[in-house]
Amino acid sequence: MGSGLGLLLGLGLPRSFLLLDAVLLALAWLGGRRPGPAPSRLLLWSSGWLLLFGLSYGSIQIGWGVWWPPRQHGPELVAMLMPAAALAVGWFLPRCASRRQLSAWIVAYGAGALVYALLCLALSRSPWWNVAQSFVHNVRVPWGSQPWMNMRSVEQRAFVALGWWPVALPCLWGLARQRWRAVPLLVMAVLAAHAAWAFQGRIGVVVLALASLPGLWCLRRQRWRLGLLAVGSVAVGVGLASGRLCDERGWLQLGFVQRLAQAPWGGRQIAFTYRDCRPELLNRFGPGPDAAAFSPHNLVLDLYNDAGWLPALCVLLAVVPLLWVLLRGFWGVLQRQGWSADLALRWSCVALVVVQWLLQPFWYADQLMCILGFLLAGALLAEFNRDTPGGWSAARPSHPDRSPLNHDGCTNPEAVGLPEDPPR
């Protein structure tokens, strides 16, 4: 049932937010009735600041007249409280689903999101099987309030499966009996790469690189890891120097940060010009039909642009310590148990969410995925907690006398693929 819900949420069908509300309520009720550790201080801290974020953002939007009268904007106001609720409910998720079940839910969500992206390609191409056709601006969508959507809001659906390359390949190198698990992931990753190419999704490369970074530990020798990092760094340097790797979002965000004092309470009053990748062009940021962008393509800066410093500060106070603890949790499990498909799936989702926060108008482009990111963050906090039954901290390497990082291939054979959960 959980995989079916994940598939439906990934498809982004109409009324998906009502479905997510029902899922959150069910998880809160089921998880609260089952034994487990009390919520951590960090969970309470981050959930509290996210609650203040939602209240402050909604109040300021009402003050600006954007959501006026408030009774006509109930769904928007409720949505502002969902990040705090999703993070808090995520703490109960490991009580309702085993580690392997949660991995299956992630795969189901990614499969649904990929199907949505591929349907958009099929509906937008002429004819639908013209796989050589790519897009620049808008694509047709299979459902929703509008028949067309900016392709930047669609490409990120495919990025979920794009991050599965470093999940599937180590499984293929593992035990033969585990390889069948990697084949569906690899097929979806290939399709996602095609979708990213068709949407000209440049930041998909960033998602893939970040998702692959911990997999460097799968290499047997340290000089191979250092060599691969050096080659990648040189390639990026050459691309930047030659202009082949160029993204105007850097100049856009820099220009916005330099003008924060112009609108401390938001209201989308900031306007300026910024450079383009083509030196002869200048782009305009701000309100108006002649503007090239109305969003700084960064979630925190978007919140500042809408409602000023208070909601943006609340989000930073909630997310920065949360991300730091999650990174420490991943590093601890990597050191103790090595790299496994379960861990790689979770890391690929975190990599996607981080890139979307930094380089996309995530809250506008896919609010549902953004809220699900908080649900996953709460679940990871619980899994990394040493008192969670079946969590990562409670598990131990299969061969305690041997470091899993030095094992032939990647990690212990039992950790390759999607392993069985330890007994509860």
Protein backbone atom coordinates (compact mmCIF):
# COMPACT_ATOMS: atom_id res chain seq x y z
CA MET A 1 0.00 0.00 0.00
CA GLY A 2 2.83 2.37 0.84
CA SER A 3 4.40 1.89 -2.59
CA GLY A 4 1.06 2.63 -4.24
CA LEU A 5 0.75 5.89 -2.31
CA GLY A 6 4.31 6.79 -3.26
CA LEU A 7 3.51 6.15 -6.92
CA LEU A 8 0.40 8.35 -6.77
CA LEU A 9 2.30 11.18 -5.09
CA GLY A 10 5.04 10.90 -7.70
CA LEU A 11 2.49 11.16 -10.51
CA GLY A 12 1.28 14.45 -9.05
CA LEU A 13 -2.37 13.71 -9.77
CA PRO A 14 -5.04 16.29 -8.94
CA ARG A 15 -5.81 16.45 -5.22
CA SER A 16 -2.32 15.17 -4.36
CA PHE A 17 -2.13 17.61 -1.45
CA LEU A 18 -5.27 16.09 0.06
CA LEU A 19 -3.66 12.67 -0.34
CA LEU A 20 -0.51 13.94 1.37
CA ASP A 21 -2.60 15.37 4.23
CA ALA A 22 -4.23 11.98 4.69
CA VAL A 23 -0.84 10.22 4.62
CA LEU A 24 0.57 12.59 7.26
CA LEU A 25 -2.45 12.08 9.51
CA ALA A 26 -2.24 8.29 9.15
CA LEU A 27 1.47 8.22 9.89
CA ALA A 28 1.04 10.46 12.93
CA TRP A 29 -1.73 8.24 14.28
CA LEU A 30 -0.01 4.92 13.59
CA GLY A 31 3.46 6.07 14.63
CA GLY A 32 2.23 7.68 17.82
CA ARG A 33 0.71 4.38 18.94
CA ARG A 34 3.92 2.40 18.45
CA PRO A 35 6.97 2.41 20.73
CA GLY A 36 9.99 4.44 19.78
CA PRO A 37 12.32 7.18 20.96
CA ALA A 38 10.96 10.56 21.96
CA PRO A 39 11.41 13.36 19.40
CA SER A 40 14.94 14.72 19.45
CA ARG A 41 15.77 18.29 20.44
CA LEU A 42 16.76 19.06 16.87
CA LEU A 43 13.40 17.82 15.57
CA LEU A 44 11.57 20.07 18.02
CA TRP A 45 13.88 22.99 17.21
CA SER A 46 13.50 22.71 13.43
CA SER A 47 9.77 21.98 13.54
CA GLY A 48 9.22 25.02 15.76
CA TRP A 49 11.11 27.35 13.43
CA LEU A 50 9.27 25.90 10.42
CA LEU A 51 5.98 26.59 12.19
CA LEU A 52 7.05 30.18 12.80
CA PHE A 53 8.08 30.38 9.15
CA GLY A 54 4.64 29.32 7.97
CA LEU A 55 2.84 31.71 10.30
CA SER A 56 5.07 34.68 9.46
CA TYR A 57 5.05 34.07 5.71
CA GLY A 58 1.27 33.71 5.62
CA SER A 59 0.74 36.81 7.77
CA ILE A 60 3.04 38.95 5.62
CA GLN A 61 1.41 37.72 2.42
CA ILE A 62 -1.95 38.72 3.87
CA GLY A 63 -0.47 42.08 4.82
CA TRP A 64 0.72 42.66 1.25
CA GLY A 65 -2.75 41.78 -0.02
CA VAL A 66 -1.50 38.77 -1.96
CA TRP A 67 -3.74 36.38 -0.02
CA TRP A 68 -6.67 38.68 0.66
CA PRO A 69 -9.29 37.99 1.80
CA PRO A 70 -7.72 35.17 3.84
CA ARG A 71 -10.80 32.93 3.76
CA GLN A 72 -10.41 32.61 0.00
CA HIS A 73 -6.81 31.44 0.34
CA GLY A 74 -7.23 28.67 2.87
CA PRO A 75 -5.27 26.03 0.90
CA GLU A 76 -2.29 28.37 0.49
CA LEU A 77 -2.28 29.23 4.20
CA VAL A 78 -2.56 25.57 5.23
CA ALA A 79 0.27 24.65 2.86
CA MET A 80 2.60 26.99 4.74
CA LEU A 81 2.17 24.84 7.86
CA MET A 82 2.83 21.55 6.09
CA PRO A 83 6.69 21.66 6.18
CA ALA A 84 6.61 21.72 9.99
CA ALA A 85 3.99 18.95 10.08
CA ALA A 86 5.86 16.80 7.53
CA LEU A 87 9.16 17.07 9.42
CA ALA A 88 7.52 16.16 12.73
CA VAL A 89 5.54 13.26 11.23
CA GLY A 90 8.66 11.96 9.47
CA TRP A 91 10.04 11.04 12.89
CA PHE A 92 7.30 8.38 13.18
CA LEU A 93 7.81 6.97 9.67
CA PRO A 94 10.45 4.32 10.66
CA ARG A 95 7.96 2.96 13.19
CA CYS A 96 5.43 2.35 10.42
CA ALA A 97 7.80 1.05 7.73
CA SER A 98 10.99 -0.98 7.81
CA ARG A 99 14.15 0.26 6.18
CA ARG A 100 13.55 -1.82 3.08
CA GLN A 101 9.90 -0.70 2.86
CA LEU A 102 10.93 2.94 3.02
CA SER A 103 13.38 2.28 0.18
CA ALA A 104 10.55 0.75 -1.84
CA TRP A 105 8.41 3.84 -1.20
CA ILE A 106 11.21 6.08 -2.45
CA VAL A 107 11.56 3.99 -5.61
CA ALA A 108 7.79 4.07 -6.16
CA TYR A 109 7.70 7.85 -5.80
CA GLY A 110 10.61 8.23 -8.21
CA ALA A 111 8.93 5.91 -10.71
CA GLY A 112 5.72 7.95 -10.60
CA ALA A 113 7.63 11.22 -11.01
CA LEU A 114 9.54 9.78 -13.98
CA VAL A 115 6.31 8.58 -15.64
CA TYR A 116 4.94 12.12 -15.28
CA ALA A 117 8.03 13.61 -16.95
CA LEU A 118 7.94 11.06 -19.78
CA LEU A 119 4.23 11.70 -20.36
CA CYS A 120 5.00 15.41 -20.68
CA LEU A 121 7.61 14.59 -23.32
CA ALA A 122 5.22 12.32 -25.23
CA LEU A 123 2.42 14.91 -25.20
CA SER A 124 4.74 17.73 -26.27
CA ARG A 125 6.63 15.97 -29.07
CA SER A 126 5.41 15.89 -32.62
CA PRO A 127 4.99 13.02 -33.25
CA TRP A 128 5.10 11.57 -29.75
CA TRP A 129 7.85 9.07 -30.64
CA ASN A 130 10.25 11.77 -31.90
CA VAL A 131 12.88 11.09 -29.24
CA ALA A 132 15.34 13.49 -30.89
CA GLN A 133 13.17 16.53 -30.11
CA SER A 134 14.18 18.73 -27.18
CA PHE A 135 12.52 21.76 -25.62
CA VAL A 136 13.38 25.29 -24.57
CA HIS A 137 10.46 26.77 -22.62
CA ASN A 138 7.07 25.13 -22.00
CA VAL A 139 5.77 21.58 -22.33
CA ARG A 140 2.28 20.10 -22.28
CA VAL A 141 1.31 18.33 -19.05
CA PRO A 142 -1.07 15.37 -18.72
CA TRP A 143 -3.19 16.91 -15.93
CA GLY A 144 -3.48 20.00 -13.80
CA SER A 145 -5.18 23.38 -13.90
CA GLN A 146 -3.21 24.51 -16.97
CA PRO A 147 -2.38 22.50 -20.12
CA TRP A 148 1.17 23.90 -20.36
CA MET A 149 3.94 24.27 -17.79
CA ASN A 150 7.47 25.61 -17.73
CA MET A 151 9.77 22.69 -18.37
CA ARG A 152 11.93 23.67 -15.35
CA SER A 153 9.00 22.64 -13.18
CA VAL A 154 8.85 19.27 -14.94
CA GLU A 155 12.51 18.33 -15.30
CA GLN A 156 13.03 17.96 -11.57
CA ARG A 157 10.56 15.05 -11.59
CA ALA A 158 13.02 13.14 -13.75
CA PHE A 159 15.95 14.15 -11.53
CA VAL A 160 14.69 11.81 -8.79
CA ALA A 161 15.53 8.76 -10.91
CA LEU A 162 18.58 10.43 -12.42
CA GLY A 163 20.25 10.19 -9.03
CA TRP A 164 19.87 6.40 -9.10
CA TRP A 165 22.91 5.84 -11.32
CA PRO A 166 25.20 5.54 -8.25
CA VAL A 167 22.58 3.27 -6.65
CA ALA A 168 22.22 0.81 -9.52
CA LEU A 169 25.81 0.48 -10.73
CA PRO A 170 27.33 -0.77 -7.43
CA CYS A 171 24.51 -3.33 -7.23
CA LEU A 172 25.44 -4.61 -10.68
CA TRP A 173 29.00 -5.09 -9.46
CA GLY A 174 27.79 -6.99 -6.38
CA LEU A 175 26.54 -10.50 -5.91
CA ALA A 176 24.79 -12.10 -8.89
CA ARG A 177 21.71 -12.84 -6.81
CA GLN A 178 21.34 -9.12 -6.06
CA ARG A 179 21.78 -7.83 -9.59
CA TRP A 180 18.14 -8.21 -10.54
CA ARG A 181 17.35 -5.46 -8.04
CA ALA A 182 19.54 -3.02 -9.92
CA VAL A 183 18.04 -3.57 -13.39
CA PRO A 184 14.79 -1.59 -12.84
CA LEU A 185 16.74 1.24 -11.19
CA LEU A 186 19.20 1.32 -14.07
CA VAL A 187 16.43 1.37 -16.69
CA MET A 188 14.71 4.27 -14.92
CA ALA A 189 18.02 6.11 -14.57
CA VAL A 190 18.61 5.78 -18.33
CA LEU A 191 15.11 7.12 -19.08
CA ALA A 192 15.68 9.95 -16.61
CA ALA A 193 18.94 10.86 -18.35
CA HIS A 194 17.06 11.08 -21.65
CA ALA A 195 14.40 13.30 -20.06
CA ALA A 196 17.08 15.56 -18.58
CA TRP A 197 18.65 15.89 -22.04
CA ALA A 198 15.30 16.65 -23.68
CA PHE A 199 14.52 19.32 -21.08
CA GLN A 200 18.08 20.66 -21.31
CA GLY A 201 18.29 20.18 -17.56
CA ARG A 202 21.77 21.47 -16.84
CA ILE A 203 21.48 21.16 -13.09
CA GLY A 204 20.75 17.47 -13.50
CA VAL A 205 24.52 17.10 -13.85
CA VAL A 206 24.91 18.73 -10.43
CA VAL A 207 22.35 16.36 -8.93
CA LEU A 208 24.13 13.35 -10.43
CA ALA A 209 27.56 14.54 -9.25
CA LEU A 210 26.38 15.17 -5.70
CA ALA A 211 24.51 11.86 -5.57
CA SER A 212 27.66 10.05 -6.75
CA LEU A 213 30.08 11.74 -4.36
CA PRO A 214 29.87 9.20 -1.48
CA GLY A 215 30.26 6.41 -4.03
CA LEU A 216 33.91 7.38 -4.39
CA TRP A 217 34.45 5.28 -1.29
CA CYS A 218 33.50 2.25 -3.38
CA LEU A 219 36.79 2.57 -5.23
CA ARG A 220 39.37 0.17 -3.83
CA ARG A 221 42.35 2.49 -3.72
CA GLN A 222 42.70 6.00 -2.45
CA ARG A 223 44.67 7.17 -5.49
CA TRP A 224 41.73 6.21 -7.70
CA ARG A 225 39.44 8.40 -5.62
CA LEU A 226 41.87 11.31 -5.68
CA GLY A 227 42.46 10.83 -9.40
CA LEU A 228 38.75 10.88 -10.18
CA LEU A 229 38.27 14.00 -8.07
CA ALA A 230 41.19 15.66 -9.84
CA VAL A 231 39.85 14.78 -13.29
CA GLY A 232 36.41 16.08 -12.38
CA SER A 233 37.82 19.30 -10.94
CA VAL A 234 39.95 19.92 -14.02
CA ALA A 235 37.00 19.25 -16.31
CA VAL A 236 34.85 21.72 -14.40
CA GLY A 237 37.65 24.30 -14.43
CA VAL A 238 38.16 23.96 -18.17
CA GLY A 239 34.42 24.20 -18.76
CA LEU A 240 34.12 27.36 -16.70
CA ALA A 241 37.17 28.97 -18.28
CA SER A 242 36.00 28.21 -21.81
CA GLY A 243 32.45 29.35 -21.15
CA ARG A 244 30.95 25.96 -21.98
CA LEU A 245 29.80 25.61 -18.39
CA CYS A 246 27.84 28.79 -17.85
CA ASP A 247 24.72 29.53 -15.85
CA GLU A 248 23.31 33.02 -15.38
CA ARG A 249 21.84 32.02 -12.00
CA GLY A 250 25.14 32.94 -10.36
CA TRP A 251 24.91 36.57 -11.49
CA LEU A 252 21.18 36.60 -10.74
CA GLN A 253 21.58 35.47 -7.13
CA LEU A 254 24.60 37.69 -6.52
CA GLY A 255 22.70 40.72 -7.76
CA PHE A 256 19.73 39.87 -5.56
CA VAL A 257 21.83 39.40 -2.41
CA GLN A 258 23.50 42.77 -3.01
CA ARG A 259 20.07 44.45 -2.93
CA LEU A 260 18.46 42.75 0.06
CA ALA A 261 18.27 46.04 1.96
CA GLN A 262 15.95 47.49 -0.68
CA ALA A 263 13.00 45.37 0.48
CA PRO A 264 13.43 43.98 4.02
CA TRP A 265 9.75 43.01 4.13
CA GLY A 266 9.52 41.50 0.68
CA GLY A 267 6.71 42.42 -1.62
CA ARG A 268 8.69 41.60 -4.78
CA GLN A 269 10.00 45.13 -4.99
CA ILE A 270 13.62 44.35 -5.94
CA ALA A 271 14.52 44.99 -9.59
CA PHE A 272 17.90 45.06 -11.35
CA THR A 273 19.78 43.90 -14.43
CA TYR A 274 22.26 41.04 -14.46
CA ARG A 275 24.64 39.38 -16.90
CA ASP A 276 23.77 36.63 -19.32
CA CYS A 277 25.95 33.79 -20.56
CA ARG A 278 26.03 35.67 -23.85
CA PRO A 279 28.17 38.73 -23.08
CA GLU A 280 26.22 41.01 -25.39
CA LEU A 281 22.96 40.52 -23.44
CA LEU A 282 21.65 41.86 -20.15
CA ASN A 283 18.70 40.34 -18.32
CA ARG A 284 16.22 42.11 -16.11
CA PHE A 285 14.99 40.76 -12.79
CA GLY A 286 11.82 41.95 -11.12
CA PRO A 287 8.10 42.39 -11.68
CA GLY A 288 6.74 43.17 -15.10
CA PRO A 289 6.28 41.35 -18.40
CA ASP A 290 9.69 42.41 -19.74
CA ALA A 291 11.60 40.72 -16.90
CA ALA A 292 13.63 37.62 -17.73
CA ALA A 293 13.13 36.26 -14.19
CA PHE A 294 10.86 37.00 -11.25
CA SER A 295 12.54 34.43 -8.99
CA PRO A 296 16.14 34.36 -7.73
CA HIS A 297 16.05 30.58 -8.28
CA ASN A 298 16.88 29.88 -4.65
CA LEU A 299 14.25 28.87 -2.13
CA VAL A 300 15.45 31.08 0.72
CA LEU A 301 15.90 34.10 -1.57
CA ASP A 302 12.45 33.45 -3.04
CA LEU A 303 10.95 33.62 0.44
CA TYR A 304 12.84 36.87 1.09
CA ASN A 305 11.58 38.30 -2.18
CA ASP A 306 7.99 37.47 -1.22
CA ALA A 307 7.89 38.21 2.50
CA GLY A 308 11.23 39.62 3.66
CA TRP A 309 13.82 38.65 6.20
CA LEU A 310 11.68 37.05 8.94
CA PRO A 311 10.39 33.95 7.08
CA ALA A 312 13.77 33.52 5.37
CA LEU A 313 15.57 33.62 8.73
CA CYS A 314 13.12 31.12 10.25
CA VAL A 315 13.78 28.68 7.41
CA LEU A 316 17.55 29.06 7.74
CA LEU A 317 17.42 28.45 11.50
CA ALA A 318 15.38 25.31 10.88
CA VAL A 319 17.23 23.85 7.90
CA VAL A 320 20.93 24.59 8.49
CA PRO A 321 21.32 22.55 11.72
CA LEU A 322 19.02 19.89 10.27
CA LEU A 323 21.20 19.47 7.19
CA TRP A 324 24.37 19.40 9.28
CA VAL A 325 23.07 16.58 11.49
CA LEU A 326 21.86 14.60 8.46
CA LEU A 327 25.27 14.91 6.80
CA ARG A 328 26.92 13.67 9.98
CA GLY A 329 24.47 10.78 10.06
CA PHE A 330 25.28 9.75 6.50
CA TRP A 331 29.00 9.99 7.18
CA GLY A 332 28.72 7.89 10.33
CA VAL A 333 26.82 5.10 8.58
CA LEU A 334 29.23 5.21 5.64
CA GLN A 335 32.18 4.73 7.97
CA ARG A 336 30.58 1.93 9.99
CA GLN A 337 28.70 -0.03 7.35
CA GLY A 338 29.88 1.17 3.96
CA TRP A 339 27.85 2.15 0.93
CA SER A 340 24.61 0.25 0.28
CA ALA A 341 21.62 0.71 -1.98
CA ASP A 342 19.36 1.74 0.91
CA LEU A 343 21.77 4.44 1.99
CA ALA A 344 22.42 5.52 -1.61
CA LEU A 345 18.69 5.92 -2.29
CA ARG A 346 18.31 8.22 0.68
CA TRP A 347 21.42 10.19 -0.21
CA SER A 348 20.27 10.66 -3.81
CA CYS A 349 17.03 12.21 -2.54
CA VAL A 350 18.92 14.52 -0.18
CA ALA A 351 21.24 15.53 -3.04
CA LEU A 352 18.24 16.36 -5.24
CA VAL A 353 16.53 18.42 -2.53
CA VAL A 354 19.72 20.37 -1.75
CA VAL A 355 20.26 21.24 -5.42
CA GLN A 356 16.63 22.26 -5.83
CA TRP A 357 16.85 24.51 -2.78
CA LEU A 358 19.99 26.21 -4.05
CA LEU A 359 19.31 26.51 -7.78
CA GLN A 360 15.56 26.36 -8.39
CA PRO A 361 12.37 28.17 -7.29
CA PHE A 362 11.55 24.93 -5.50
CA TRP A 363 8.55 26.18 -3.52
CA TYR A 364 6.85 27.41 -6.68
CA ALA A 365 8.01 24.67 -9.06
CA ASP A 366 7.05 21.61 -6.99
CA GLN A 367 5.65 22.40 -3.57
CA LEU A 368 4.61 18.78 -3.07
CA MET A 369 8.16 17.48 -3.56
CA CYS A 370 9.50 20.21 -1.29
CA ILE A 371 7.18 19.13 1.54
CA LEU A 372 8.02 15.47 0.98
CA GLY A 373 11.66 16.45 1.42
CA PHE A 374 10.86 17.48 4.99
CA LEU A 375 9.06 14.18 5.55
CA LEU A 376 12.18 12.32 4.44
CA ALA A 377 14.37 14.52 6.62
CA GLY A 378 12.31 13.64 9.70
CA ALA A 379 12.51 9.93 8.83
CA LEU A 380 16.29 10.15 8.40
CA LEU A 381 16.66 11.87 11.77
CA ALA A 382 14.83 8.93 13.32
CA GLU A 383 16.79 6.30 11.37
CA PHE A 384 20.10 7.86 12.40
CA ASN A 385 18.98 7.97 16.03
CA ARG A 386 20.67 5.21 18.00
CA ASP A 387 17.47 4.35 19.90
CA THR A 388 15.33 3.71 16.82
CA PRO A 389 14.62 -0.04 16.39
CA GLY A 390 16.11 -1.21 13.11
CA GLY A 391 17.68 2.19 12.47
CA TRP A 392 21.11 2.72 10.97
CA SER A 393 22.78 3.42 14.31
CA ALA A 394 21.45 0.18 15.77
CA ALA A 395 22.95 -1.94 12.99
CA ARG A 396 26.49 -3.27 12.93
CA PRO A 397 28.80 -4.40 10.10
CA SER A 398 28.52 -8.08 9.19
CA HIS A 399 32.30 -8.46 9.60
CA PRO A 400 33.33 -6.30 12.57
CA ASP A 401 36.97 -7.27 12.15
CA ARG A 402 37.11 -5.71 8.68
CA SER A 403 36.30 -2.19 7.58
CA PRO A 404 33.39 -2.22 5.11
CA LEU A 405 35.05 0.60 3.18
CA ASN A 406 37.99 -1.67 2.34
CA HIS A 407 35.92 -4.63 1.20
CA ASP A 408 36.29 -5.75 -2.39
CA GLY A 409 33.91 -3.83 -4.65
CA CYS A 410 32.11 -1.40 -2.39
CA THR A 411 30.79 -2.72 0.88
CA ASN A 412 30.01 -5.99 2.59
CA PRO A 413 28.15 -8.40 0.29
CA GLU A 414 25.14 -8.34 2.57
CA ALA A 415 24.86 -4.57 2.05
CA VAL A 416 24.77 -4.74 -1.75
CA GLY A 417 21.32 -4.25 -3.24
CA LEU A 418 18.32 -3.71 -0.97
CA PRO A 419 19.11 -5.94 2.00
CA GLU A 420 16.71 -7.55 4.36
CA ASP A 421 15.94 -5.58 7.51
CA PRO A 422 17.31 -6.67 10.85
CA PRO A 423 14.76 -8.33 13.13
CA ARG A 424 12.72 -5.93 15.16
